[in-house]
Amino acid sequence: MQIGISQAIHLAQGSTLKLRIFGSTLPMQCDGEAWLQYPGVVQISHLNQVLMLMKNDDTDKEQLSTFF
């Protein structure tokens, strides 16, 4: 969702997001696919949890530079 601000502000974290759209159609985009959303309710939730890789904070920068 783009709203024309330069930096995001983290408000909260939840498992479900519900958008209630009033008035006329609203342009939306997900994964590069755009569409016109008519007034109604859009509910977004996660299906399963996904494992992700994360940087190890204990890694010494000098150790990384020896590989490159």
N, C-alpha and C. Protein backbone atom coordinates (compact mmCIF):
# COMPACT_ATOMS: atom_id res chain seq x y z
N MET A 1 0.85 -1.16 0.00
CA MET A 1 0.00 0.00 0.00
C MET A 1 0.90 1.23 0.00
N GLN A 2 0.75 2.11 -0.94
CA GLN A 2 1.54 3.34 -1.00
C GLN A 2 0.66 4.51 -0.61
N ILE A 3 1.17 5.32 0.33
CA ILE A 3 0.39 6.47 0.77
C ILE A 3 1.18 7.76 0.69
N GLY A 4 2.34 7.74 0.05
CA GLY A 4 3.08 8.96 -0.22
C GLY A 4 3.87 9.51 0.95
N ILE A 5 4.39 8.65 1.83
CA ILE A 5 5.27 9.13 2.89
C ILE A 5 6.67 8.60 2.62
N SER A 6 7.69 9.28 3.15
CA SER A 6 9.06 8.89 2.84
C SER A 6 9.57 7.78 3.75
N GLN A 7 9.03 7.64 4.95
CA GLN A 7 9.47 6.59 5.87
C GLN A 7 8.26 5.93 6.51
N ALA A 8 8.36 4.64 6.69
CA ALA A 8 7.27 3.90 7.34
C ALA A 8 7.35 4.04 8.85
N ILE A 9 6.21 4.01 9.48
CA ILE A 9 6.12 4.05 10.94
C ILE A 9 5.45 2.76 11.38
N HIS A 10 6.16 1.96 12.17
CA HIS A 10 5.62 0.68 12.63
C HIS A 10 4.61 0.95 13.74
N LEU A 11 3.35 0.63 13.49
CA LEU A 11 2.29 0.85 14.47
C LEU A 11 2.01 -0.39 15.30
N ALA A 12 1.90 -1.52 14.65
CA ALA A 12 1.57 -2.76 15.35
C ALA A 12 1.85 -3.94 14.44
N GLN A 13 1.73 -5.12 15.00
CA GLN A 13 1.89 -6.34 14.23
C GLN A 13 0.73 -7.26 14.57
N GLY A 14 0.08 -7.75 13.57
CA GLY A 14 -1.06 -8.63 13.81
C GLY A 14 -1.07 -9.79 12.84
N SER A 15 -1.97 -10.71 13.06
CA SER A 15 -2.06 -11.87 12.18
C SER A 15 -3.07 -11.66 11.06
N THR A 16 -3.94 -10.65 11.20
CA THR A 16 -4.97 -10.38 10.19
C THR A 16 -5.10 -8.87 9.98
N LEU A 17 -5.29 -8.47 8.74
CA LEU A 17 -5.52 -7.07 8.39
C LEU A 17 -6.84 -7.00 7.65
N LYS A 18 -7.71 -6.09 8.08
CA LYS A 18 -9.01 -5.93 7.43
C LYS A 18 -9.14 -4.48 6.95
N LEU A 19 -9.31 -4.31 5.63
CA LEU A 19 -9.48 -2.99 5.03
C LEU A 19 -10.93 -2.84 4.59
N ARG A 20 -11.59 -1.81 5.06
CA ARG A 20 -12.96 -1.53 4.62
C ARG A 20 -12.90 -0.37 3.64
N ILE A 21 -13.31 -0.62 2.41
CA ILE A 21 -13.21 0.37 1.34
C ILE A 21 -14.60 0.93 1.07
N PHE A 22 -14.71 2.26 1.18
CA PHE A 22 -15.97 2.96 0.95
C PHE A 22 -15.83 3.85 -0.27
N GLY A 23 -16.93 4.22 -0.88
CA GLY A 23 -16.91 5.16 -2.00
C GLY A 23 -16.71 4.47 -3.33
N SER A 24 -15.78 5.02 -4.13
CA SER A 24 -15.56 4.50 -5.48
C SER A 24 -14.45 3.44 -5.47
N THR A 25 -14.08 2.97 -6.66
CA THR A 25 -13.03 1.96 -6.78
C THR A 25 -11.69 2.53 -6.34
N LEU A 26 -10.81 1.64 -5.93
CA LEU A 26 -9.50 2.02 -5.42
C LEU A 26 -8.45 1.17 -6.11
N PRO A 27 -7.39 1.78 -6.70
CA PRO A 27 -6.36 0.97 -7.33
C PRO A 27 -5.54 0.24 -6.26
N MET A 28 -5.33 -1.06 -6.44
CA MET A 28 -4.55 -1.87 -5.50
C MET A 28 -3.54 -2.68 -6.28
N GLN A 29 -2.51 -3.18 -5.57
CA GLN A 29 -1.47 -3.98 -6.20
C GLN A 29 -0.93 -4.98 -5.18
N CYS A 30 -0.71 -6.22 -5.63
CA CYS A 30 -0.12 -7.25 -4.79
C CYS A 30 0.79 -8.11 -5.66
N ASP A 31 2.03 -8.27 -5.25
CA ASP A 31 3.01 -9.05 -6.02
C ASP A 31 3.11 -8.60 -7.47
N GLY A 32 3.02 -7.30 -7.71
CA GLY A 32 3.16 -6.76 -9.05
C GLY A 32 1.91 -6.81 -9.89
N GLU A 33 0.84 -7.40 -9.39
CA GLU A 33 -0.42 -7.48 -10.14
C GLU A 33 -1.37 -6.39 -9.66
N ALA A 34 -1.75 -5.50 -10.56
CA ALA A 34 -2.63 -4.39 -10.21
C ALA A 34 -4.08 -4.70 -10.58
N TRP A 35 -5.02 -4.12 -9.83
CA TRP A 35 -6.45 -4.25 -10.12
C TRP A 35 -7.20 -3.09 -9.49
N LEU A 36 -8.44 -2.90 -9.93
CA LEU A 36 -9.32 -1.91 -9.33
C LEU A 36 -10.21 -2.63 -8.32
N GLN A 37 -10.12 -2.23 -7.07
CA GLN A 37 -10.90 -2.86 -6.01
C GLN A 37 -12.18 -2.07 -5.78
N TYR A 38 -13.30 -2.74 -5.88
CA TYR A 38 -14.59 -2.10 -5.63
C TYR A 38 -14.83 -1.98 -4.13
N PRO A 39 -15.73 -1.11 -3.71
CA PRO A 39 -16.02 -0.96 -2.28
C PRO A 39 -16.40 -2.30 -1.66
N GLY A 40 -15.92 -2.51 -0.46
CA GLY A 40 -16.18 -3.76 0.25
C GLY A 40 -15.13 -3.97 1.33
N VAL A 41 -14.91 -5.22 1.70
CA VAL A 41 -13.96 -5.57 2.75
C VAL A 41 -12.87 -6.45 2.15
N VAL A 42 -11.61 -6.07 2.35
CA VAL A 42 -10.46 -6.88 1.94
C VAL A 42 -9.80 -7.37 3.22
N GLN A 43 -9.71 -8.68 3.38
CA GLN A 43 -9.10 -9.26 4.57
C GLN A 43 -7.84 -10.00 4.17
N ILE A 44 -6.72 -9.68 4.82
CA ILE A 44 -5.42 -10.29 4.53
C ILE A 44 -4.96 -11.02 5.79
N SER A 45 -4.60 -12.30 5.63
CA SER A 45 -4.09 -13.06 6.77
C SER A 45 -3.05 -14.04 6.26
N HIS A 46 -2.22 -14.55 7.17
CA HIS A 46 -1.19 -15.50 6.76
C HIS A 46 -1.73 -16.91 6.85
N LEU A 47 -1.20 -17.79 6.00
CA LEU A 47 -1.64 -19.18 5.99
C LEU A 47 -0.77 -20.02 6.91
N ASN A 48 0.51 -19.95 6.73
CA ASN A 48 1.47 -20.71 7.55
C ASN A 48 2.67 -19.84 7.87
N GLN A 49 3.49 -20.28 8.77
CA GLN A 49 4.70 -19.55 9.13
C GLN A 49 5.83 -20.00 8.21
N VAL A 50 6.67 -19.07 7.78
CA VAL A 50 7.76 -19.36 6.86
C VAL A 50 9.08 -19.13 7.58
N LEU A 51 10.02 -20.06 7.43
CA LEU A 51 11.35 -19.88 8.00
C LEU A 51 12.15 -18.93 7.13
N MET A 52 12.90 -18.04 7.75
CA MET A 52 13.71 -17.08 7.01
C MET A 52 15.12 -17.08 7.57
N LEU A 53 16.09 -16.78 6.71
CA LEU A 53 17.48 -16.66 7.14
C LEU A 53 17.69 -15.30 7.78
N MET A 54 18.56 -15.26 8.80
CA MET A 54 18.83 -14.01 9.49
C MET A 54 20.32 -13.90 9.75
N LYS A 55 20.85 -12.71 9.69
CA LYS A 55 22.26 -12.46 9.93
C LYS A 55 22.59 -12.78 11.39
N ASN A 56 23.72 -13.44 11.60
CA ASN A 56 24.20 -13.74 12.94
C ASN A 56 24.92 -12.51 13.48
N ASP A 57 24.46 -11.95 14.58
CA ASP A 57 25.07 -10.75 15.14
C ASP A 57 26.46 -11.01 15.70
N ASP A 58 26.82 -12.27 15.98
CA ASP A 58 28.12 -12.59 16.54
C ASP A 58 29.21 -12.68 15.48
N THR A 59 28.86 -12.60 14.22
CA THR A 59 29.84 -12.72 13.14
C THR A 59 30.79 -11.54 13.15
N ASP A 60 32.07 -11.82 13.14
CA ASP A 60 33.09 -10.77 13.13
C ASP A 60 33.29 -10.28 11.70
N LYS A 61 33.32 -8.99 11.50
CA LYS A 61 33.48 -8.42 10.15
C LYS A 61 34.80 -8.83 9.52
N GLU A 62 35.86 -9.01 10.33
CA GLU A 62 37.15 -9.41 9.77
C GLU A 62 37.08 -10.82 9.20
N GLN A 63 36.31 -11.70 9.82
CA GLN A 63 36.16 -13.05 9.30
C GLN A 63 35.49 -13.04 7.93
N LEU A 64 34.51 -12.17 7.74
CA LEU A 64 33.83 -12.09 6.45
C LEU A 64 34.75 -11.59 5.36
N SER A 65 35.63 -10.65 5.68
CA SER A 65 36.49 -10.06 4.65
C SER A 65 37.55 -11.05 4.16
N THR A 66 37.87 -12.09 4.94
CA THR A 66 38.88 -13.05 4.50
C THR A 66 38.37 -13.94 3.37
N PHE A 67 37.07 -14.04 3.21
CA PHE A 67 36.51 -14.87 2.15
C PHE A 67 36.47 -14.15 0.82
N PHE A 68 36.54 -12.84 0.80
CA PHE A 68 36.40 -12.07 -0.44
C PHE A 68 37.63 -11.31 -0.78
